[in-house]
Amino acid sequence: MFRYSLLLAGSLSFACLAVFVCLARPHAESADLLPGPVPAKFKTACLECHDAGIIVQQRLNKAAWTKEMDKMIKWGAVVDPGDRDVFIEYLTTKFPTDKEPYVAPRTAFKKMKHDR
């Protein structure tokens, strides 16, 4: 019985920690994407499944963005066929290979140094 209680307490503690970490994790805002009609449709199609952070950290050329867009459409992203090329052009312009690397925001947690 004690072993079961210990296992339950450990599981609950892990679940609470996981929820806390997910809530505390900074997310890239959709504001990092340009305003306007193309990004509005883009946000609808892409942020349905992804956090904006997965997009804004990418630095790809047009061929790679095309491959990613086609893969996402194949996997079920709802993209109007007329918007596909517009989205690819938008991504290629906004997140090109020559743009400075993405720097993720620091979390509130500091790395702990352990003396050995």
Protein backbone atom coordinates (compact mmCIF):
# COMPACT_ATOMS: atom_id res chain seq x y z
CA MET A 1 0.00 0.00 0.00
CA PHE A 2 2.84 2.39 0.90
CA ARG A 3 4.54 1.62 -2.41
CA TYR A 4 1.34 2.45 -4.32
CA SER A 5 0.95 5.73 -2.41
CA LEU A 6 4.56 6.64 -3.13
CA LEU A 7 4.10 5.88 -6.83
CA LEU A 8 0.90 7.94 -6.96
CA ALA A 9 2.56 10.87 -5.18
CA GLY A 10 5.52 10.74 -7.55
CA SER A 11 3.26 10.63 -10.58
CA LEU A 12 1.22 13.59 -9.37
CA SER A 13 4.38 15.56 -8.62
CA PHE A 14 5.72 14.87 -12.10
CA ALA A 15 2.40 15.89 -13.69
CA CYS A 16 2.34 19.16 -11.72
CA LEU A 17 5.93 19.90 -12.69
CA ALA A 18 5.19 19.19 -16.36
CA VAL A 19 2.21 21.58 -16.33
CA PHE A 20 4.28 24.26 -14.57
CA VAL A 21 7.14 23.95 -17.08
CA CYS A 22 4.74 24.14 -20.03
CA LEU A 23 3.04 27.23 -18.64
CA ALA A 24 6.32 28.91 -17.71
CA ARG A 25 7.98 28.26 -21.06
CA PRO A 26 8.14 31.42 -23.15
CA HIS A 27 6.47 31.07 -26.51
CA ALA A 28 7.31 33.05 -29.58
CA GLU A 29 4.44 35.36 -30.17
CA SER A 30 2.54 35.40 -33.41
CA ALA A 31 3.49 39.10 -33.38
CA ASP A 32 6.91 37.90 -34.57
CA LEU A 33 5.17 37.24 -37.87
CA LEU A 34 4.50 40.25 -40.08
CA PRO A 35 1.06 41.90 -39.91
CA GLY A 36 -1.15 41.95 -42.99
CA PRO A 37 -3.51 39.75 -44.99
CA VAL A 38 -0.98 37.08 -46.00
CA PRO A 39 0.23 36.49 -42.44
CA ALA A 40 -3.37 36.37 -41.19
CA LYS A 41 -4.10 33.45 -43.54
CA PHE A 42 -0.67 32.02 -42.78
CA LYS A 43 -1.33 32.13 -39.02
CA THR A 44 -4.65 30.40 -39.52
CA ALA A 45 -3.06 27.62 -41.57
CA CYS A 46 0.16 27.12 -39.58
CA LEU A 47 -0.51 28.15 -35.99
CA GLU A 48 -3.37 25.69 -35.84
CA CYS A 49 -0.76 23.03 -35.06
CA HIS A 50 2.45 24.95 -34.35
CA ASP A 51 3.61 27.54 -31.88
CA ALA A 52 5.01 30.55 -33.77
CA GLY A 53 8.43 29.73 -32.30
CA ILE A 54 8.88 26.71 -34.53
CA ILE A 55 8.50 28.99 -37.54
CA VAL A 56 10.43 32.10 -36.47
CA GLN A 57 13.54 30.10 -35.56
CA GLN A 58 13.92 28.69 -39.09
CA ARG A 59 16.40 30.05 -41.62
CA LEU A 60 15.69 28.30 -44.92
CA ASN A 61 16.08 29.00 -48.62
CA LYS A 62 13.17 28.94 -51.05
CA ALA A 63 13.65 25.27 -51.98
CA ALA A 64 13.66 24.22 -48.32
CA TRP A 65 10.59 26.37 -47.50
CA THR A 66 8.83 24.83 -50.50
CA LYS A 67 9.65 21.34 -49.24
CA GLU A 68 8.40 22.22 -45.74
CA MET A 69 5.18 23.77 -47.07
CA ASP A 70 4.45 20.76 -49.27
CA LYS A 71 5.17 18.40 -46.36
CA MET A 72 2.78 20.30 -44.08
CA ILE A 73 0.06 20.28 -46.74
CA LYS A 74 0.60 16.54 -47.21
CA TRP A 75 0.26 16.09 -43.44
CA GLY A 76 -3.05 17.95 -43.39
CA ALA A 77 -2.39 21.70 -43.22
CA VAL A 78 -5.35 23.50 -44.74
CA VAL A 79 -3.76 25.78 -47.33
CA ASP A 80 -5.72 27.17 -50.23
CA PRO A 81 -3.86 26.16 -53.42
CA GLY A 82 -3.73 29.82 -54.42
CA ASP A 83 -1.97 30.69 -51.15
CA ARG A 84 0.77 28.06 -51.32
CA ASP A 85 3.22 30.09 -53.42
CA VAL A 86 2.37 33.29 -51.53
CA PHE A 87 3.16 31.54 -48.21
CA ILE A 88 6.45 30.20 -49.59
CA GLU A 89 7.43 33.66 -50.79
CA TYR A 90 6.47 35.14 -47.41
CA LEU A 91 8.55 32.57 -45.50
CA THR A 92 11.52 32.97 -47.86
CA THR A 93 11.42 36.75 -47.40
CA LYS A 94 10.77 36.80 -43.65
CA PHE A 95 13.05 33.91 -42.59
CA PRO A 96 15.88 33.63 -45.17
CA THR A 97 19.17 31.82 -44.72
CA ASP A 98 21.10 35.09 -44.41
CA LYS A 99 19.00 36.45 -41.54
CA GLU A 100 20.64 36.55 -38.11
CA PRO A 101 20.17 33.30 -36.19
CA TYR A 102 17.16 33.12 -33.94
CA VAL A 103 17.96 33.66 -30.27
CA ALA A 104 15.44 32.00 -28.00
CA PRO A 105 14.25 34.09 -25.06
CA ARG A 106 15.77 33.12 -21.73
CA THR A 107 13.50 31.47 -19.23
CA ALA A 108 13.08 32.66 -15.68
CA PHE A 109 14.94 29.60 -14.50
CA LYS A 110 18.66 29.99 -14.01
CA LYS A 111 21.04 27.13 -14.48
CA MET A 112 22.26 25.90 -11.17
CA LYS A 113 25.98 25.47 -10.71
CA HIS A 114 26.94 22.48 -8.70
CA ASP A 115 30.27 22.53 -6.89
CA ARG A 116 32.04 19.24 -7.11
